[in-house]
Protein backbone atom coordinates (compact mmCIF):
# COMPACT_ATOMS: atom_id res chain seq x y z
CA UNK A 1 16.70 -12.80 9.70
CA UNK A 2 15.64 -13.73 13.30
CA UNK A 3 15.58 -17.23 15.14
CA UNK A 4 12.63 -18.73 16.38
CA UNK A 5 13.30 -21.02 19.06
CA UNK A 6 12.34 -20.94 22.20
CA UNK A 7 13.81 -18.15 24.03
CA UNK A 8 10.41 -17.28 26.82
CA UNK A 9 9.94 -19.39 29.66
CA UNK A 10 6.37 -20.46 31.36
CA UNK A 11 5.92 -17.41 32.96
CA UNK A 12 6.68 -15.42 30.37
CA UNK A 13 4.53 -17.39 28.00
CA UNK A 14 1.58 -16.86 30.07
CA UNK A 15 2.14 -13.60 30.97
CA UNK A 16 2.50 -12.52 26.68
CA UNK A 17 -1.03 -14.86 26.56
CA UNK A 18 -2.97 -13.07 29.47
CA UNK A 19 -1.64 -9.44 27.80
CA UNK A 20 -2.53 -10.40 23.92
CA UNK A 21 -5.83 -11.87 25.08
CA UNK A 22 -6.61 -8.51 26.54
CA UNK A 23 -4.75 -6.38 23.52
CA UNK A 24 -6.97 -8.32 21.69
CA UNK A 25 -10.71 -8.01 23.36
CA UNK A 26 -9.97 -4.06 23.81
CA UNK A 27 -9.13 -3.57 20.13
CA UNK A 28 -12.29 -5.05 19.42
CA UNK A 29 -14.24 -3.09 21.64
CA UNK A 30 -12.84 -0.74 20.19
CA UNK A 31 -13.42 -1.46 16.42
CA UNK A 32 -17.35 -2.50 17.34
CA UNK A 33 -17.49 1.18 19.20
CA UNK A 34 -15.90 3.37 16.42
CA UNK A 35 -18.10 1.33 13.43
CA UNK A 36 -21.29 1.83 15.54
CA UNK A 37 -20.11 5.86 15.92
CA UNK A 38 -18.13 5.97 12.64
CA UNK A 39 -15.11 7.10 14.44
CA UNK A 40 -12.18 6.08 12.03
CA UNK A 41 -9.54 7.09 14.73
CA UNK A 42 -11.48 4.26 16.86
CA UNK A 43 -11.03 2.08 14.26
CA UNK A 44 -7.46 2.26 13.54
CA UNK A 45 -6.71 2.27 17.31
CA UNK A 46 -9.07 -1.08 17.45
CA UNK A 47 -6.98 -2.93 14.52
CA UNK A 48 -3.42 -1.59 15.65
CA UNK A 49 -4.37 -2.92 19.22
CA UNK A 50 -6.33 -6.49 17.50
CA UNK A 51 -2.94 -6.94 15.77
CA UNK A 52 -0.40 -6.42 18.98
CA UNK A 53 -2.52 -8.52 21.03
CA UNK A 54 -2.62 -11.59 18.00
CA UNK A 55 1.14 -11.43 17.83
CA UNK A 56 1.15 -11.39 21.36
CA UNK A 57 -0.75 -14.58 21.80
CA UNK A 58 1.53 -15.76 18.58
CA UNK A 59 4.62 -15.39 20.73
CA UNK A 60 2.77 -17.16 24.02
CA UNK A 61 2.05 -20.45 21.65
CA UNK A 62 5.97 -20.17 20.25
CA UNK A 63 7.52 -20.24 23.19
CA UNK A 64 8.98 -17.14 21.62
CA UNK A 65 10.13 -13.31 22.48
CA UNK A 66 10.59 -10.74 19.49
CA UNK A 67 12.37 -8.35 21.69
CA UNK A 68 14.60 -10.58 23.33
CA UNK A 69 15.51 -12.36 19.98
CA UNK A 70 16.68 -8.81 19.01
CA UNK A 71 18.88 -8.93 22.47
CA UNK A 72 16.52 -6.50 24.00
CA UNK A 73 16.34 -7.85 27.72
CA UNK A 74 12.55 -8.38 28.67
CA UNK A 75 11.42 -8.90 32.99
CA UNK A 76 9.83 -11.34 31.65
């Protein structure tokens, strides 16, 4: 099990939050577009992007990076 102690600084938290909001917004746009046009691929892509964005916002709020917790070095 991964330890959820703070492992990123304020800069990393801000970057994750902004990118998370962008992913989430893009996911919602794709989801709506898919629902309006009936494109199942757009709906699936929208859900995936929204989930990723939500997880990144969670990481920013907690000050925790899953990749860093696994030992992978990230630039922020």
